[in-house]
Amino acid sequence: MGEYVAHLLVTDNETGQVYVDTTETGEYGEYRYFLIQVWYGQSFSVEDGTLKLVGSYITAYIDNLSFGDIVFPVSFHFTNALTFQPLQGVTVKDTDGSVLGTMDDGGSLELAKGTHTLTFEKQGYWSVTKTIDVQGDMTVSVEMYPSSAAFRLENFPAEIKIPENTIYELTFTLSPIQTSATYNTYLSLSGLSDVIEVRKDGSLVSPESGKYYLGDISSDVQVSIKFEAGAVGQHGFTLTLTSNDAIMSNTYTTTKQVVYQVEPLPFSVQMPSEWQVGQNELRISESSGQSYLITAVLKDNQGNEVWSDSHAFNPYEAYTFTVNVPSEGSYTLELQFNGQTVVYSVQVNPAITLKTKTLTVQKGSEGTIVLHFKNPSSDVQYYTIKLSGGFLPKAINQSISVAPATEKDVSIAFAVPDKLTYDAYELNVAVLQGNATVFSDKVAVSISEGSGFSLFGGGSSGGKTLYYAVGALVALGLFIAAARRR
């Protein structure tokens, strides 16, 4: 007698049915089909060839019991892994190489319950093999790479959202599709201007003419790209990997479009209209209704911390940090919160500049130097200017004040001795605020022998000489005029 076969069908009605109760003769003998009704809510199990209805007085013992295949519809979503465009005409093969079908994106197959290893093929693309476990209706996503590409970009974030002005680190795995095509690999980034660093397996990669050399890649490596997000809105850039085969006869290009969304910060930042040396007010207002800690850090252009402070914000709270800037120059202000870092560039322009770097004067004349003062603060600033050194018998001191939110030029005059040993001297200029020196520089003074006057001397040199020269010219003109009248 042949094998007893039961075909299981569970419907949406109040009963489920196991189809049997028919006798049929086949190649291996007689096949019998039993019909057993299973009521709604009742469960059943199959153990050691026994069909058992739990909770029922019926227990059917059937030798060599087996069920026919249970099949489910499996849908497939085919996309280009680099452009995310849907693909058409993909051939699906089973483990033994038999073709199960050729379909477009969104197509489906009826597959038996259980594990299946499928291979997906399309002309112009690398084949993909996936193992799936079918336990019901399901959708399988298949990303296929063009055959011109040498790498898979795995563990790549599906969606990138970044708060504005924050530093973001994009990390993914670079996996060779064919190791014979991954020699002499370079990474380039187009459309991403604020790149901070690129790393391969944690090691910093220095740029070479705008590209990053990753070398020969024979196994999976981790690549990270750290960059600063810009303004609110959608942004994107192009990531390109170029590589060669071992003899440099073929070039492979893997290009991926990266799109990211920059979102508003959960707080507002009000900075000084112009940063200055000394104290500056930085006001932050929480606007999202959350509680978190914000740490503000000021770093110099070498990355060294020169000031920091923290504050635990309550929902909708405003707080003012007093940022102390030690000197003029370029700085970076970081606001750290919830594991993220917001970055701002801070430029502290000189409050004092020496406008007269060089000066030409004559012996026995006068000279003048000019300094420019700028006060962006809301307080009056008081300074003492000190001019010393060179041929000056003693230092010249002059006290000044600069009104809030103003700027002005200040002149310091000095006398030039009649007798000098050298034809060039150096004067020291210092500006003090209280007892602290906030500015220092030097003036190169050249001594001109001349003939008593100079119309083209630098700076304020010999005011008397100029008057004499003008008087002599006027007298000469009058003499010539009188002669002509005769």
Protein backbone atom coordinates (compact mmCIF):
# COMPACT_ATOMS: atom_id res chain seq x y z
CA MET A 1 0.00 0.00 0.00
CA GLY A 2 1.28 3.45 -0.78
CA GLU A 3 1.82 6.42 1.50
CA TYR A 4 -1.15 8.02 3.16
CA VAL A 5 -1.18 11.71 2.17
CA ALA A 6 -3.09 14.53 3.86
CA HIS A 7 -3.33 18.00 2.31
CA LEU A 8 -3.81 20.75 4.90
CA LEU A 9 -5.95 23.80 4.16
CA VAL A 10 -6.88 26.38 6.81
CA THR A 11 -9.57 28.76 5.59
CA ASP A 12 -10.99 32.06 6.81
CA ASN A 13 -14.27 30.36 7.68
CA GLU A 14 -15.17 28.99 11.05
CA THR A 15 -13.65 25.63 10.17
CA GLY A 16 -10.37 24.39 8.85
CA GLN A 17 -10.18 21.16 6.81
CA VAL A 18 -7.73 18.35 6.21
CA TYR A 19 -8.71 16.85 2.87
CA VAL A 20 -8.97 13.10 2.88
CA ASP A 21 -11.83 10.54 2.38
CA THR A 22 -11.05 9.59 -1.21
CA THR A 23 -9.35 6.47 -2.52
CA GLU A 24 -7.03 6.72 -5.51
CA THR A 25 -4.64 4.25 -7.17
CA GLY A 26 -1.24 5.46 -8.28
CA GLU A 27 2.13 4.13 -9.35
CA TYR A 28 3.01 2.96 -5.86
CA GLY A 29 -0.39 1.59 -4.92
CA GLU A 30 -3.50 2.93 -3.31
CA TYR A 31 -3.59 6.50 -1.93
CA ARG A 32 -6.29 7.42 0.57
CA TYR A 33 -7.41 10.93 1.41
CA PHE A 34 -9.12 11.41 4.75
CA LEU A 35 -11.45 14.27 5.59
CA ILE A 36 -11.28 15.50 9.18
CA GLN A 37 -13.07 18.66 10.20
CA VAL A 38 -11.35 21.08 12.59
CA TRP A 39 -13.65 23.55 14.29
CA TYR A 40 -12.85 27.24 14.81
CA GLY A 41 -10.68 27.73 17.86
CA GLN A 42 -9.50 24.16 17.87
CA SER A 43 -5.79 23.40 17.47
CA PHE A 44 -4.02 20.43 15.97
CA SER A 45 -0.54 18.98 15.88
CA VAL A 46 1.40 16.33 14.06
CA GLU A 47 3.75 14.16 16.13
CA ASP A 48 5.41 10.92 14.98
CA GLY A 49 2.97 10.31 12.19
CA THR A 50 -0.07 11.12 14.34
CA LEU A 51 -2.59 13.84 13.55
CA LYS A 52 -3.96 14.94 16.88
CA LEU A 53 -6.88 17.33 17.38
CA VAL A 54 -6.35 18.96 20.73
CA GLY A 55 -9.44 19.50 22.82
CA SER A 56 -11.50 16.99 20.83
CA TYR A 57 -12.57 13.43 21.58
CA ILE A 58 -11.26 12.54 18.11
CA THR A 59 -7.67 11.43 17.85
CA ALA A 60 -6.77 10.06 14.44
CA TYR A 61 -3.76 7.74 14.17
CA ILE A 62 -2.56 7.58 10.59
CA ASP A 63 0.64 5.73 9.62
CA ASN A 64 3.26 7.51 7.48
CA LEU A 65 1.42 10.83 7.62
CA SER A 66 2.92 13.66 5.53
CA PHE A 67 1.65 17.04 4.41
CA GLY A 68 1.84 18.45 0.92
CA ASP A 69 3.85 21.68 0.34
CA ILE A 70 2.40 24.87 1.80
CA VAL A 71 3.20 27.80 -0.51
CA PHE A 72 3.15 31.55 0.05
CA PRO A 73 3.44 34.53 -2.33
CA VAL A 74 6.84 36.25 -2.07
CA SER A 75 7.18 39.72 -3.62
CA PHE A 76 10.51 41.13 -4.77
CA HIS A 77 11.72 44.74 -4.74
CA PHE A 78 14.65 45.17 -7.17
CA THR A 79 16.75 48.37 -7.08
CA ASN A 80 20.07 49.71 -8.31
CA ALA A 81 22.13 49.79 -5.10
CA LEU A 82 23.84 53.06 -6.05
CA THR A 83 20.98 55.10 -7.53
CA PHE A 84 17.99 53.44 -5.81
CA GLN A 85 16.23 53.23 -9.19
CA PRO A 86 13.91 50.20 -9.68
CA LEU A 87 15.15 47.41 -11.96
CA GLN A 88 13.26 45.42 -14.56
CA GLY A 89 13.91 42.00 -16.11
CA VAL A 90 15.65 40.28 -13.19
CA THR A 91 16.03 36.50 -13.49
CA VAL A 92 15.54 34.44 -10.32
CA LYS A 93 17.24 31.04 -10.06
CA ASP A 94 17.00 28.25 -7.48
CA THR A 95 19.93 26.51 -5.80
CA ASP A 96 20.21 23.95 -8.61
CA GLY A 97 20.35 26.70 -11.24
CA SER A 98 16.81 26.20 -12.49
CA VAL A 99 15.03 29.41 -13.47
CA LEU A 100 12.05 30.22 -11.26
CA GLY A 101 11.08 33.25 -13.30
CA THR A 102 12.11 36.60 -14.77
CA MET A 103 10.31 39.58 -13.32
CA ASP A 104 10.26 43.34 -12.87
CA ASP A 105 10.42 45.30 -9.64
CA GLY A 106 7.34 44.40 -7.58
CA GLY A 107 6.89 40.94 -9.14
CA SER A 108 6.20 37.82 -7.03
CA LEU A 109 6.70 34.06 -6.91
CA GLU A 110 4.88 31.24 -5.10
CA LEU A 111 7.47 29.61 -2.83
CA ALA A 112 7.03 26.67 -0.48
CA LYS A 113 7.32 27.24 3.23
CA GLY A 114 10.94 26.94 4.43
CA THR A 115 14.42 28.12 3.54
CA HIS A 116 15.38 29.00 -0.03
CA THR A 117 18.70 30.17 -1.48
CA LEU A 118 18.01 32.25 -4.57
CA THR A 119 20.30 33.87 -7.13
CA PHE A 120 19.27 37.08 -8.94
CA GLU A 121 20.80 37.92 -12.30
CA LYS A 122 20.52 40.85 -14.72
CA GLN A 123 22.68 41.84 -17.64
CA GLY A 124 25.04 44.70 -16.71
CA TYR A 125 24.87 43.90 -12.99
CA TRP A 126 26.71 41.66 -10.55
CA SER A 127 24.62 38.64 -9.53
CA VAL A 128 23.25 38.55 -5.98
CA THR A 129 22.60 35.45 -3.88
CA LYS A 130 20.26 35.64 -0.90
CA THR A 131 18.92 33.03 1.53
CA ILE A 132 15.37 33.67 2.71
CA ASP A 133 13.14 31.86 5.20
CA VAL A 134 9.56 31.71 3.93
CA GLN A 135 7.06 31.44 6.79
CA GLY A 136 4.24 33.43 5.22
CA ASP A 137 3.57 36.22 2.75
CA MET A 138 6.67 38.39 2.54
CA THR A 139 8.59 40.99 0.53
CA VAL A 140 12.29 40.63 -0.25
CA SER A 141 14.46 43.65 -1.14
CA VAL A 142 17.31 42.95 -3.56
CA GLU A 143 19.97 45.61 -4.25
CA MET A 144 22.06 44.97 -7.34
CA TYR A 145 25.35 46.71 -8.24
CA PRO A 146 26.34 47.59 -11.82
CA SER A 147 29.14 45.40 -13.17
CA SER A 148 31.21 48.57 -13.69
CA ALA A 149 31.36 48.98 -9.90
CA ALA A 150 33.92 47.13 -7.77
CA PHE A 151 32.48 47.67 -4.30
CA ARG A 152 29.36 47.15 -2.26
CA LEU A 153 28.58 49.91 0.24
CA GLU A 154 27.15 47.98 3.17
CA ASN A 155 25.74 49.20 6.49
CA PHE A 156 25.02 52.50 4.77
CA PRO A 157 22.36 54.56 6.62
CA ALA A 158 19.03 54.47 4.84
CA GLU A 159 18.13 57.97 6.04
CA ILE A 160 20.47 60.73 7.21
CA LYS A 161 19.13 63.54 9.41
CA ILE A 162 21.53 66.08 10.91
CA PRO A 163 20.91 69.14 13.13
CA GLU A 164 22.19 72.34 11.53
CA ASN A 165 25.87 73.28 11.91
CA THR A 166 26.66 69.97 13.63
CA ILE A 167 29.52 67.63 12.85
CA TYR A 168 28.28 64.36 11.34
CA GLU A 169 30.27 61.18 10.83
CA LEU A 170 29.06 58.97 7.96
CA THR A 171 30.32 55.42 8.49
CA PHE A 172 29.85 52.42 6.19
CA THR A 173 31.53 49.18 5.14
CA LEU A 174 33.39 48.98 1.85
CA SER A 175 33.04 45.39 0.63
CA PRO A 176 34.79 44.19 -2.57
CA ILE A 177 32.44 42.60 -5.10
CA GLN A 178 35.42 41.16 -6.97
CA THR A 179 38.84 41.45 -5.29
CA SER A 180 40.50 41.35 -8.72
CA ALA A 181 38.99 44.81 -9.38
CA THR A 182 39.88 46.63 -6.15
CA TYR A 183 43.52 47.64 -6.59
CA ASN A 184 44.76 51.24 -6.26
CA THR A 185 41.48 52.51 -4.80
CA TYR A 186 40.74 56.24 -4.46
CA LEU A 187 37.78 57.95 -2.76
CA SER A 188 36.58 61.35 -3.97
CA LEU A 189 33.75 63.55 -2.67
CA SER A 190 31.98 65.99 -4.97
CA GLY A 191 29.64 68.66 -3.61
CA LEU A 192 30.78 68.31 0.01
CA SER A 193 32.87 71.37 0.91
CA ASP A 194 33.11 71.12 4.71
CA VAL A 195 34.99 67.80 4.96
CA ILE A 196 36.80 67.53 8.28
CA GLU A 197 38.46 64.14 7.88
CA VAL A 198 38.30 60.73 6.17
CA ARG A 199 39.36 57.52 7.91
CA LYS A 200 39.91 53.93 6.78
CA ASP A 201 39.57 51.34 9.56
CA GLY A 202 40.13 54.15 12.06
CA SER A 203 43.33 55.50 10.45
CA LEU A 204 43.35 59.06 9.14
CA VAL A 205 43.65 59.38 5.35
CA SER A 206 45.25 62.59 4.05
CA PRO A 207 43.85 64.14 0.87
CA GLU A 208 45.90 64.03 -2.32
CA SER A 209 44.76 66.62 -4.85
CA GLY A 210 41.24 66.40 -3.50
CA LYS A 211 41.17 62.57 -3.38
CA TYR A 212 41.77 60.05 -0.60
CA TYR A 213 43.98 57.06 -1.33
CA LEU A 214 42.59 53.85 0.23
CA GLY A 215 45.09 51.45 -1.39
CA ASP A 216 44.48 47.84 -2.46
CA ILE A 217 41.37 46.44 -0.78
CA SER A 218 41.06 42.65 -0.54
CA SER A 219 38.50 42.41 2.30
CA ASP A 220 35.89 44.48 4.06
CA VAL A 221 37.08 47.82 5.44
CA GLN A 222 35.26 50.52 7.39
CA VAL A 223 35.25 54.01 5.93
CA SER A 224 34.15 57.11 7.84
CA ILE A 225 33.64 60.61 6.46
CA LYS A 226 33.32 63.42 8.99
CA PHE A 227 31.82 66.68 7.75
CA GLU A 228 29.99 69.74 9.00
CA ALA A 229 26.32 70.11 8.12
CA GLY A 230 25.19 73.39 6.64
CA ALA A 231 21.93 75.30 6.78
CA VAL A 232 18.48 73.79 7.24
CA GLY A 233 17.19 71.93 4.17
CA GLN A 234 18.02 68.99 1.93
CA HIS A 235 21.62 68.61 0.81
CA GLY A 236 23.59 66.01 -1.13
CA PHE A 237 26.96 65.02 -2.49
CA THR A 238 28.48 62.37 -4.74
CA LEU A 239 30.74 59.65 -3.35
CA THR A 240 32.99 58.05 -5.99
CA LEU A 241 35.36 55.09 -5.66
CA THR A 242 37.77 54.37 -8.52
CA SER A 243 39.90 51.21 -8.65
CA ASN A 244 41.79 49.02 -11.10
CA ASP A 245 42.63 45.42 -11.79
CA ALA A 246 46.09 44.06 -10.93
CA ILE A 247 47.70 45.05 -14.23
CA MET A 248 45.96 48.47 -14.38
CA SER A 249 44.22 47.62 -17.66
CA ASN A 250 40.64 48.16 -16.46
CA THR A 251 39.15 50.91 -14.32
CA TYR A 252 36.09 50.38 -12.14
CA THR A 253 33.94 53.20 -10.80
CA THR A 254 31.50 52.96 -7.91
CA THR A 255 29.40 56.12 -7.63
CA LYS A 256 26.75 56.77 -4.99
CA GLN A 257 24.52 59.78 -4.47
CA VAL A 258 24.24 60.67 -0.79
CA VAL A 259 21.27 62.76 0.34
CA TYR A 260 20.91 64.15 3.84
CA GLN A 261 18.40 66.38 5.61
CA VAL A 262 19.57 69.21 7.85
CA GLU A 263 17.04 70.02 10.56
CA PRO A 264 16.75 72.99 12.95
CA LEU A 265 18.50 72.84 16.30
CA PRO A 266 16.31 72.33 19.37
CA PHE A 267 17.59 75.68 20.67
CA SER A 268 18.38 79.14 19.32
CA VAL A 269 21.81 80.76 19.53
CA GLN A 270 22.43 84.50 19.77
CA MET A 271 26.08 85.47 19.29
CA PRO A 272 27.84 88.85 19.58
CA SER A 273 27.59 90.98 16.46
CA GLU A 274 31.37 91.25 16.66
CA TRP A 275 33.63 89.18 18.89
CA GLN A 276 36.30 90.97 20.92
CA VAL A 277 39.20 90.15 23.19
CA GLY A 278 37.87 89.70 26.72
CA GLN A 279 34.29 88.90 27.72
CA ASN A 280 31.57 88.17 25.14
CA GLU A 281 27.94 87.22 25.77
CA LEU A 282 26.54 84.06 24.16
CA ARG A 283 22.81 83.58 24.75
CA ILE A 284 21.09 80.21 24.19
CA SER A 285 17.32 79.66 24.40
CA GLU A 286 15.84 76.15 24.59
CA SER A 287 12.93 75.93 22.12
CA SER A 288 11.92 72.25 21.90
CA GLY A 289 10.50 71.72 25.39
CA GLN A 290 13.28 69.31 26.40
CA SER A 291 15.79 69.16 29.23
CA TYR A 292 19.45 68.58 28.40
CA LEU A 293 22.99 69.71 29.20
CA ILE A 294 24.84 72.05 26.83
CA THR A 295 28.61 72.43 27.11
CA ALA A 296 30.16 75.40 25.31
CA VAL A 297 33.84 75.07 24.37
CA LEU A 298 36.08 77.68 22.70
CA LYS A 299 39.14 76.30 20.87
CA ASP A 300 42.02 78.13 19.20
CA ASN A 301 43.17 77.45 15.64
CA GLN A 302 45.36 74.60 16.93
CA GLY A 303 42.37 72.83 18.50
CA ASN A 304 43.40 73.68 22.07
CA GLU A 305 40.63 74.48 24.53
CA VAL A 306 40.91 78.05 25.84
CA TRP A 307 37.52 78.35 27.60
CA SER A 308 34.53 76.16 28.47
CA ASP A 309 31.34 76.21 30.53
CA SER A 310 28.19 74.07 30.93
CA HIS A 311 24.56 74.61 31.79
CA ALA A 312 21.67 72.19 32.35
CA PHE A 313 18.71 73.60 30.43
CA ASN A 314 15.11 73.17 31.49
CA PRO A 315 12.37 73.30 28.83
CA TYR A 316 12.16 76.75 27.21
CA GLU A 317 14.88 78.16 29.47
CA ALA A 318 17.27 80.89 28.28
CA TYR A 319 20.81 81.23 29.61
CA THR A 320 23.72 83.55 28.86
CA PHE A 321 27.28 82.21 28.74
CA THR A 322 30.13 84.68 29.28
CA VAL A 323 32.81 83.62 26.80
CA ASN A 324 36.30 84.86 27.59
CA VAL A 325 38.47 85.31 24.47
CA PRO A 326 42.19 85.51 25.41
CA SER A 327 43.53 87.23 22.28
CA GLU A 328 42.84 88.15 18.68
CA GLY A 329 42.67 85.47 16.00
CA SER A 330 40.54 82.60 14.68
CA TYR A 331 38.63 80.29 17.02
CA THR A 332 36.06 77.49 16.91
CA LEU A 333 33.05 77.53 19.24
CA GLU A 334 31.56 74.09 19.95
CA LEU A 335 28.17 73.49 21.58
CA GLN A 336 27.97 69.88 22.75
CA PHE A 337 24.59 68.29 23.58
CA ASN A 338 23.04 64.82 23.48
CA GLY A 339 26.18 63.32 21.93
CA GLN A 340 26.22 65.87 19.10
CA THR A 341 28.48 68.85 18.46
CA VAL A 342 27.44 72.15 16.88
CA VAL A 343 30.35 74.12 15.40
CA TYR A 344 30.69 77.84 14.73
CA SER A 345 33.67 79.81 13.43
CA VAL A 346 34.68 82.79 15.56
CA GLN A 347 36.94 85.53 14.24
CA VAL A 348 38.28 88.06 16.74
CA ASN A 349 39.58 91.00 14.74
CA PRO A 350 42.23 93.33 16.21
CA ALA A 351 40.75 96.07 18.38
CA ILE A 352 43.94 98.10 17.84
CA THR A 353 45.98 98.40 14.64
CA LEU A 354 49.08 100.47 13.84
CA LYS A 355 48.44 102.40 10.65
CA THR A 356 51.95 103.96 10.51
CA LYS A 357 54.29 101.02 10.03
CA THR A 358 57.07 103.08 8.39
CA LEU A 359 57.90 106.76 8.56
CA THR A 360 60.48 109.15 7.02
CA VAL A 361 61.47 112.25 8.99
CA GLN A 362 64.24 114.88 8.97
CA LYS A 363 66.63 115.84 11.73
CA GLY A 364 65.22 118.60 13.92
CA SER A 365 61.67 118.02 12.63
CA GLU A 366 58.60 116.23 14.03
CA GLY A 367 57.04 112.85 13.31
CA THR A 368 53.60 111.39 13.95
CA ILE A 369 52.34 107.84 14.20
CA VAL A 370 48.67 106.86 13.91
CA LEU A 371 46.85 103.99 15.66
CA HIS A 372 43.30 102.82 14.94
CA PHE A 373 41.05 101.81 17.85
CA LYS A 374 37.78 99.87 17.60
CA ASN A 375 35.35 99.26 20.48
CA PRO A 376 32.51 96.83 19.57
CA SER A 377 31.43 96.50 23.21
CA SER A 378 28.73 98.40 25.09
CA ASP A 379 31.23 99.89 27.57
CA VAL A 380 33.75 102.72 27.30
CA GLN A 381 37.29 101.36 26.86
CA TYR A 382 40.28 103.19 28.42
CA TYR A 383 43.83 102.84 27.10
CA THR A 384 47.33 104.28 27.60
CA ILE A 385 49.56 104.58 24.53
CA LYS A 386 53.31 104.33 25.17
CA LEU A 387 55.92 105.28 22.55
CA SER A 388 59.57 104.53 23.44
CA GLY A 389 62.99 103.47 22.19
CA GLY A 390 65.06 104.61 19.26
CA PHE A 391 66.23 108.26 19.48
CA LEU A 392 63.53 109.27 22.02
CA PRO A 393 65.15 110.56 25.23
CA LYS A 394 62.18 109.24 27.26
CA ALA A 395 58.91 107.42 26.71
CA ILE A 396 55.86 109.34 25.52
CA ASN A 397 52.60 108.39 27.26
CA GLN A 398 49.13 109.37 26.12
CA SER A 399 45.81 108.30 27.68
CA ILE A 400 42.69 107.93 25.54
CA SER A 401 39.15 106.56 25.71
CA VAL A 402 36.98 104.93 23.03
CA ALA A 403 33.21 105.23 23.25
CA PRO A 404 30.96 102.13 23.00
CA ALA A 405 30.37 100.75 19.48
CA THR A 406 32.72 103.27 17.87
CA GLU A 407 36.16 103.40 16.28
CA LYS A 408 38.66 106.21 15.78
CA ASP A 409 42.24 107.13 14.80
CA VAL A 410 44.65 108.46 17.45
CA SER A 411 47.88 110.34 16.56
CA ILE A 412 51.03 110.46 18.70
CA ALA A 413 53.59 113.16 17.83
CA PHE A 414 57.28 113.12 18.70
CA ALA A 415 60.32 115.37 18.16
CA VAL A 416 63.31 114.34 16.05
CA PRO A 417 66.69 115.45 17.46
CA ASP A 418 69.04 117.65 15.38
CA LYS A 419 71.94 115.29 15.80
CA LEU A 420 71.49 111.61 15.10
CA THR A 421 74.07 108.87 14.70
CA TYR A 422 72.15 106.53 12.39
CA ASP A 423 69.89 106.98 9.40
CA ALA A 424 67.24 104.49 10.64
CA TYR A 425 65.70 103.77 14.03
CA GLU A 426 62.99 101.56 15.50
CA LEU A 427 60.35 102.92 17.90
CA ASN A 428 58.33 100.68 20.21
CA VAL A 429 54.56 101.16 20.41
CA ALA A 430 52.59 99.63 23.27
CA VAL A 431 48.97 100.01 24.35
CA LEU A 432 48.04 99.25 27.94
CA GLN A 433 44.61 98.64 29.41
CA GLY A 434 45.11 99.04 33.12
CA ASN A 435 48.38 97.24 33.85
CA ALA A 436 47.97 94.75 31.01
CA THR A 437 49.61 95.23 27.62
CA VAL A 438 46.93 94.55 25.02
CA PHE A 439 48.86 95.62 21.92
CA SER A 440 52.50 96.06 20.89
CA ASP A 441 54.27 96.75 17.60
CA LYS A 442 57.23 98.63 16.12
CA VAL A 443 57.62 101.62 13.78
CA ALA A 444 60.56 101.78 11.35
CA VAL A 445 61.74 105.42 11.18
CA SER A 446 64.09 106.55 8.35
CA ILE A 447 66.12 109.76 8.72
CA SER A 448 66.29 111.94 5.63
CA GLU A 449 69.15 114.47 5.27
CA GLY A 450 67.39 116.51 2.56
CA SER A 451 68.02 120.23 1.73
CA GLY A 452 65.89 121.73 4.38
CA PHE A 453 62.48 120.65 3.09
CA SER A 454 60.75 117.79 1.47
CA LEU A 455 57.44 117.76 -0.34
CA PHE A 456 57.35 114.00 -0.57
CA GLY A 457 58.53 112.83 2.86
CA GLY A 458 56.60 110.11 4.69
CA GLY A 459 54.42 110.93 7.67
CA SER A 460 54.59 114.30 9.49
CA SER A 461 58.17 115.44 8.87
CA GLY A 462 59.40 119.00 9.27
CA GLY A 463 56.31 121.20 9.29
CA LYS A 464 58.49 124.33 9.49
CA THR A 465 60.56 123.24 6.52
CA LEU A 466 57.40 122.88 4.43
CA TYR A 467 56.31 126.42 5.34
CA TYR A 468 59.73 127.81 4.39
CA ALA A 469 59.61 126.02 1.06
CA VAL A 470 56.14 127.34 0.28
CA GLY A 471 57.26 130.88 1.27
CA ALA A 472 60.29 130.66 -0.98
CA LEU A 473 58.18 129.62 -3.93
CA VAL A 474 55.74 132.47 -3.36
CA ALA A 475 58.58 134.99 -3.15
CA LEU A 476 60.10 133.65 -6.36
CA GLY A 477 56.77 133.96 -8.07
CA LEU A 478 56.34 137.57 -7.00
CA PHE A 479 59.87 138.42 -8.24
CA ILE A 480 59.19 136.93 -11.67
CA ALA A 481 55.85 138.74 -11.90
CA ALA A 482 57.44 142.08 -11.01
CA ALA A 483 60.18 141.58 -13.58
CA ARG A 484 57.59 140.90 -16.26
CA ARG A 485 55.66 144.10 -15.41
CA ARG A 486 58.79 146.16 -16.09
